[in-house]
Amino acid sequence: MFNFNKKLTAIAFSTLIATGGTLPVVAAQAQTPAEKLCRLRPGINPVCTVLVTARVGVNIRSGPGSNYKKIGTIPYQYDVNVRVRKSSRDWVKLADAPGWIHSKHLQMAGD
């Protein structure tokens, strides 16, 4: 069967009681703006659907930065699937096409 460390189990149980049944989220402090946009949790596929909030639309770049070549635009209120990479910080990669967009012009679609 299972072999539990009684001392660690007691500490974990005490933590759950003290926090009202929830564990503090330490990983959220280290999240990039793009990860926060998609409300990612560890072990979850880093793809989400977002909505363009910039009234003039958003530029699609060939890489994760404004110094990369503009390769297209996505219009206002358009929803698109994006992939988040921790190394790209504020930028998200289009999941179904080439290109990158800045996360400040987006909001998560749905819940």
N, C-alpha and C. Protein backbone atom coordinates (compact mmCIF):
# COMPACT_ATOMS: atom_id res chain seq x y z
N MET A 1 0.84 -1.18 0.00
CA MET A 1 0.00 0.00 0.00
C MET A 1 0.88 1.24 0.00
N PHE A 2 0.33 2.33 0.52
CA PHE A 2 1.05 3.58 0.55
C PHE A 2 1.90 3.69 1.82
N ASN A 3 3.04 4.34 1.66
CA ASN A 3 3.93 4.54 2.80
C ASN A 3 4.09 6.05 2.98
N PHE A 4 3.34 6.64 3.92
CA PHE A 4 3.35 8.08 4.14
C PHE A 4 4.34 8.46 5.23
N ASN A 5 4.94 9.62 5.07
CA ASN A 5 5.76 10.22 6.11
C ASN A 5 4.78 10.93 7.05
N LYS A 6 4.62 10.42 8.27
CA LYS A 6 3.60 10.93 9.19
C LYS A 6 3.80 12.41 9.52
N LYS A 7 5.05 12.84 9.68
CA LYS A 7 5.33 14.23 10.04
C LYS A 7 4.93 15.17 8.89
N LEU A 8 5.31 14.83 7.65
CA LEU A 8 4.95 15.66 6.50
C LEU A 8 3.45 15.66 6.26
N THR A 9 2.81 14.52 6.45
CA THR A 9 1.37 14.43 6.27
C THR A 9 0.66 15.32 7.28
N ALA A 10 1.12 15.35 8.51
CA ALA A 10 0.53 16.19 9.55
C ALA A 10 0.71 17.68 9.21
N ILE A 11 1.87 18.05 8.71
CA ILE A 11 2.12 19.44 8.32
C ILE A 11 1.20 19.84 7.17
N ALA A 12 1.07 18.98 6.18
CA ALA A 12 0.20 19.27 5.03
C ALA A 12 -1.25 19.41 5.48
N PHE A 13 -1.69 18.53 6.34
CA PHE A 13 -3.06 18.57 6.85
C PHE A 13 -3.29 19.86 7.65
N SER A 14 -2.33 20.22 8.50
CA SER A 14 -2.43 21.45 9.29
C SER A 14 -2.50 22.68 8.39
N THR A 15 -1.74 22.66 7.29
CA THR A 15 -1.75 23.76 6.34
C THR A 15 -3.13 23.90 5.69
N LEU A 16 -3.72 22.77 5.31
CA LEU A 16 -5.05 22.81 4.71
C LEU A 16 -6.08 23.36 5.68
N ILE A 17 -6.00 22.99 6.94
CA ILE A 17 -6.94 23.49 7.94
C ILE A 17 -6.74 24.99 8.15
N ALA A 18 -5.49 25.42 8.27
CA ALA A 18 -5.18 26.83 8.54
C ALA A 18 -5.59 27.74 7.38
N THR A 19 -5.53 27.23 6.15
CA THR A 19 -5.86 28.05 4.98
C THR A 19 -7.31 27.89 4.54
N GLY A 20 -8.09 27.17 5.32
CA GLY A 20 -9.49 26.98 4.96
C GLY A 20 -9.68 26.03 3.80
N GLY A 21 -8.75 25.10 3.62
CA GLY A 21 -8.88 24.09 2.57
C GLY A 21 -8.23 24.45 1.27
N THR A 22 -7.58 25.60 1.20
CA THR A 22 -6.89 25.98 -0.03
C THR A 22 -5.41 26.14 0.24
N LEU A 23 -4.63 25.81 -0.75
CA LEU A 23 -3.19 25.98 -0.62
C LEU A 23 -2.78 27.29 -1.26
N PRO A 24 -1.81 28.00 -0.69
CA PRO A 24 -1.36 29.24 -1.31
C PRO A 24 -0.74 28.97 -2.68
N VAL A 25 -0.98 29.87 -3.63
CA VAL A 25 -0.46 29.71 -4.97
C VAL A 25 0.86 30.45 -5.08
N VAL A 26 1.95 29.72 -5.00
CA VAL A 26 3.27 30.33 -5.07
C VAL A 26 3.67 30.57 -6.52
N ALA A 27 3.26 29.66 -7.43
CA ALA A 27 3.66 29.75 -8.83
C ALA A 27 3.10 31.01 -9.49
N ALA A 28 1.97 31.53 -9.04
CA ALA A 28 1.37 32.70 -9.66
C ALA A 28 2.28 33.92 -9.56
N GLN A 29 3.11 34.00 -8.53
CA GLN A 29 4.00 35.14 -8.38
C GLN A 29 5.04 35.18 -9.48
N ALA A 30 5.42 34.03 -10.00
CA ALA A 30 6.47 33.97 -11.00
C ALA A 30 5.91 33.94 -12.43
N GLN A 31 4.60 34.09 -12.59
CA GLN A 31 4.02 34.02 -13.92
C GLN A 31 4.34 35.26 -14.75
N THR A 32 4.52 35.04 -16.05
CA THR A 32 4.72 36.15 -16.97
C THR A 32 3.36 36.78 -17.28
N PRO A 33 3.33 38.00 -17.85
CA PRO A 33 2.05 38.60 -18.24
C PRO A 33 1.25 37.71 -19.20
N ALA A 34 1.93 37.04 -20.11
CA ALA A 34 1.23 36.16 -21.04
C ALA A 34 0.61 34.96 -20.31
N GLU A 35 1.31 34.40 -19.32
CA GLU A 35 0.77 33.29 -18.54
C GLU A 35 -0.45 33.74 -17.73
N LYS A 36 -0.40 34.94 -17.19
CA LYS A 36 -1.53 35.47 -16.43
C LYS A 36 -2.73 35.68 -17.34
N LEU A 37 -2.49 36.13 -18.58
CA LEU A 37 -3.55 36.34 -19.55
C LEU A 37 -4.36 35.06 -19.75
N CYS A 38 -3.66 33.95 -19.87
CA CYS A 38 -4.34 32.67 -20.11
C CYS A 38 -4.68 31.93 -18.82
N ARG A 39 -4.38 32.54 -17.67
CA ARG A 39 -4.66 31.93 -16.37
C ARG A 39 -4.16 30.48 -16.32
N LEU A 40 -2.92 30.30 -16.69
CA LEU A 40 -2.34 28.97 -16.76
C LEU A 40 -2.05 28.41 -15.38
N ARG A 41 -2.20 27.12 -15.26
CA ARG A 41 -1.85 26.39 -14.05
C ARG A 41 -0.85 25.31 -14.45
N PRO A 42 0.01 24.89 -13.53
CA PRO A 42 0.98 23.85 -13.85
C PRO A 42 0.28 22.59 -14.40
N GLY A 43 0.84 22.05 -15.46
CA GLY A 43 0.31 20.83 -16.05
C GLY A 43 -0.80 21.06 -17.06
N ILE A 44 -1.18 22.30 -17.28
CA ILE A 44 -2.25 22.62 -18.23
C ILE A 44 -1.61 22.99 -19.57
N ASN A 45 -2.21 22.53 -20.65
CA ASN A 45 -1.73 22.85 -22.00
C ASN A 45 -1.68 24.37 -22.16
N PRO A 46 -0.56 24.95 -22.59
CA PRO A 46 -0.41 26.40 -22.65
C PRO A 46 -1.08 27.06 -23.85
N VAL A 47 -2.27 26.62 -24.23
CA VAL A 47 -3.01 27.23 -25.33
C VAL A 47 -4.33 27.73 -24.78
N CYS A 48 -4.70 28.96 -25.17
CA CYS A 48 -5.99 29.50 -24.75
C CYS A 48 -6.55 30.38 -25.87
N THR A 49 -7.83 30.71 -25.76
CA THR A 49 -8.47 31.60 -26.72
C THR A 49 -8.54 32.99 -26.11
N VAL A 50 -8.10 33.97 -26.89
CA VAL A 50 -8.09 35.37 -26.43
C VAL A 50 -8.85 36.25 -27.41
N LEU A 51 -9.21 37.42 -26.93
CA LEU A 51 -9.96 38.39 -27.71
C LEU A 51 -9.12 39.65 -27.87
N VAL A 52 -9.06 40.21 -29.08
CA VAL A 52 -8.30 41.45 -29.33
C VAL A 52 -9.10 42.62 -28.77
N THR A 53 -8.48 43.40 -27.87
CA THR A 53 -9.15 44.53 -27.23
C THR A 53 -8.71 45.89 -27.76
N ALA A 54 -7.65 45.94 -28.55
CA ALA A 54 -7.18 47.21 -29.13
C ALA A 54 -8.11 47.60 -30.27
N ARG A 55 -8.68 48.80 -30.20
CA ARG A 55 -9.66 49.24 -31.21
C ARG A 55 -9.10 49.26 -32.63
N VAL A 56 -7.80 49.46 -32.76
CA VAL A 56 -7.18 49.49 -34.09
C VAL A 56 -6.68 48.11 -34.50
N GLY A 57 -6.94 47.11 -33.67
CA GLY A 57 -6.45 45.77 -33.95
C GLY A 57 -5.05 45.60 -33.37
N VAL A 58 -4.45 44.48 -33.66
CA VAL A 58 -3.12 44.19 -33.13
C VAL A 58 -2.23 43.66 -34.25
N ASN A 59 -0.97 44.08 -34.23
CA ASN A 59 -0.02 43.62 -35.24
C ASN A 59 0.45 42.21 -34.93
N ILE A 60 0.61 41.43 -35.98
CA ILE A 60 1.24 40.11 -35.87
C ILE A 60 2.69 40.31 -36.28
N ARG A 61 3.60 39.85 -35.44
CA ARG A 61 5.04 39.98 -35.70
C ARG A 61 5.64 38.61 -36.01
N SER A 62 6.78 38.61 -36.69
CA SER A 62 7.45 37.36 -37.04
C SER A 62 8.16 36.72 -35.85
N GLY A 63 8.32 37.47 -34.76
CA GLY A 63 8.96 36.96 -33.55
C GLY A 63 8.41 37.69 -32.33
N PRO A 64 8.82 37.28 -31.14
CA PRO A 64 8.28 37.87 -29.91
C PRO A 64 8.94 39.20 -29.51
N GLY A 65 8.63 40.25 -30.28
CA GLY A 65 9.17 41.57 -29.98
C GLY A 65 8.77 42.56 -31.05
N SER A 66 8.68 43.85 -30.68
CA SER A 66 8.29 44.87 -31.65
C SER A 66 9.38 45.13 -32.69
N ASN A 67 10.57 44.63 -32.45
CA ASN A 67 11.66 44.78 -33.42
C ASN A 67 11.56 43.76 -34.55
N TYR A 68 10.67 42.77 -34.44
CA TYR A 68 10.49 41.79 -35.50
C TYR A 68 9.55 42.35 -36.57
N LYS A 69 9.66 41.81 -37.77
CA LYS A 69 8.90 42.27 -38.92
C LYS A 69 7.39 42.06 -38.71
N LYS A 70 6.60 43.08 -39.09
CA LYS A 70 5.14 42.98 -39.05
C LYS A 70 4.71 42.10 -40.22
N ILE A 71 3.94 41.04 -39.93
CA ILE A 71 3.52 40.12 -40.99
C ILE A 71 2.00 40.08 -41.17
N GLY A 72 1.28 40.88 -40.38
CA GLY A 72 -0.17 40.92 -40.52
C GLY A 72 -0.81 41.64 -39.35
N THR A 73 -2.15 41.64 -39.34
CA THR A 73 -2.90 42.25 -38.24
C THR A 73 -4.10 41.37 -37.90
N ILE A 74 -4.58 41.53 -36.69
CA ILE A 74 -5.81 40.87 -36.26
C ILE A 74 -6.75 41.99 -35.84
N PRO A 75 -7.97 42.02 -36.37
CA PRO A 75 -8.88 43.13 -36.07
C PRO A 75 -9.45 43.10 -34.65
N TYR A 76 -9.98 44.25 -34.25
CA TYR A 76 -10.64 44.44 -32.96
C TYR A 76 -11.77 43.42 -32.78
N GLN A 77 -11.90 42.89 -31.56
CA GLN A 77 -12.93 41.95 -31.16
C GLN A 77 -12.81 40.57 -31.83
N TYR A 78 -11.71 40.30 -32.49
CA TYR A 78 -11.49 39.00 -33.11
C TYR A 78 -10.91 38.06 -32.06
N ASP A 79 -11.38 36.81 -32.06
CA ASP A 79 -10.80 35.85 -31.11
C ASP A 79 -9.85 34.92 -31.84
N VAL A 80 -8.81 34.51 -31.13
CA VAL A 80 -7.75 33.71 -31.72
C VAL A 80 -7.15 32.81 -30.66
N ASN A 81 -6.68 31.64 -31.07
CA ASN A 81 -5.99 30.72 -30.16
C ASN A 81 -4.50 31.08 -30.12
N VAL A 82 -3.97 31.17 -28.91
CA VAL A 82 -2.56 31.50 -28.74
C VAL A 82 -1.88 30.46 -27.85
N ARG A 83 -0.58 30.35 -28.03
CA ARG A 83 0.26 29.46 -27.23
C ARG A 83 1.21 30.32 -26.42
N VAL A 84 1.30 30.02 -25.13
CA VAL A 84 2.13 30.80 -24.23
C VAL A 84 3.46 30.08 -23.99
N ARG A 85 4.53 30.84 -24.06
CA ARG A 85 5.86 30.32 -23.73
C ARG A 85 6.46 31.22 -22.66
N LYS A 86 6.95 30.63 -21.60
CA LYS A 86 7.48 31.39 -20.48
C LYS A 86 8.60 32.34 -20.93
N SER A 87 9.41 31.91 -21.87
CA SER A 87 10.56 32.71 -22.31
C SER A 87 10.16 33.95 -23.09
N SER A 88 8.93 34.02 -23.60
CA SER A 88 8.53 35.17 -24.41
C SER A 88 7.88 36.30 -23.61
N ARG A 89 7.73 36.12 -22.31
CA ARG A 89 7.21 37.12 -21.36
C ARG A 89 5.87 37.74 -21.77
N ASP A 90 5.89 38.88 -22.47
CA ASP A 90 4.66 39.61 -22.81
C ASP A 90 4.04 39.18 -24.14
N TRP A 91 4.71 38.33 -24.86
CA TRP A 91 4.27 37.95 -26.20
C TRP A 91 3.69 36.54 -26.21
N VAL A 92 2.66 36.34 -27.05
CA VAL A 92 2.06 35.02 -27.22
C VAL A 92 2.15 34.64 -28.69
N LYS A 93 2.33 33.36 -28.94
CA LYS A 93 2.45 32.84 -30.30
C LYS A 93 1.08 32.40 -30.78
N LEU A 94 0.76 32.71 -32.01
CA LEU A 94 -0.49 32.20 -32.58
C LEU A 94 -0.41 30.68 -32.63
N ALA A 95 -1.45 30.01 -32.20
CA ALA A 95 -1.43 28.55 -32.11
C ALA A 95 -1.65 27.89 -33.48
N ASP A 96 -2.41 28.55 -34.35
CA ASP A 96 -2.80 27.92 -35.61
C ASP A 96 -2.18 28.57 -36.85
N ALA A 97 -1.26 29.50 -36.64
CA ALA A 97 -0.63 30.21 -37.76
C ALA A 97 0.71 30.76 -37.29
N PRO A 98 1.58 31.13 -38.22
CA PRO A 98 2.84 31.75 -37.80
C PRO A 98 2.59 33.16 -37.28
N GLY A 99 3.37 33.57 -36.29
CA GLY A 99 3.30 34.94 -35.81
C GLY A 99 3.12 35.05 -34.31
N TRP A 100 3.42 36.25 -33.82
CA TRP A 100 3.38 36.58 -32.39
C TRP A 100 2.60 37.87 -32.21
N ILE A 101 1.88 38.00 -31.08
CA ILE A 101 1.19 39.24 -30.74
C ILE A 101 1.45 39.59 -29.28
N HIS A 102 1.39 40.88 -28.98
CA HIS A 102 1.67 41.35 -27.62
C HIS A 102 0.43 41.13 -26.74
N SER A 103 0.64 40.63 -25.54
CA SER A 103 -0.47 40.27 -24.65
C SER A 103 -1.24 41.47 -24.11
N LYS A 104 -0.65 42.67 -24.13
CA LYS A 104 -1.36 43.83 -23.57
C LYS A 104 -2.58 44.22 -24.40
N HIS A 105 -2.68 43.74 -25.63
CA HIS A 105 -3.80 44.06 -26.51
C HIS A 105 -4.86 42.97 -26.49
N LEU A 106 -4.79 42.07 -25.51
CA LEU A 106 -5.66 40.89 -25.49
C LEU A 106 -6.33 40.71 -24.13
N GLN A 107 -7.43 39.99 -24.13
CA GLN A 107 -8.02 39.51 -22.89
C GLN A 107 -8.50 38.09 -23.12
N MET A 108 -8.55 37.31 -22.07
CA MET A 108 -8.97 35.93 -22.20
C MET A 108 -10.44 35.89 -22.58
N ALA A 109 -10.77 35.04 -23.53
CA ALA A 109 -12.17 34.88 -23.95
C ALA A 109 -12.82 33.82 -23.07
N GLY A 110 -14.03 34.07 -22.64
CA GLY A 110 -14.75 33.10 -21.80
C GLY A 110 -14.33 33.18 -20.36
N ASP A 111 -14.59 32.08 -19.64
CA ASP A 111 -14.32 32.03 -18.21
C ASP A 111 -12.89 31.79 -17.91
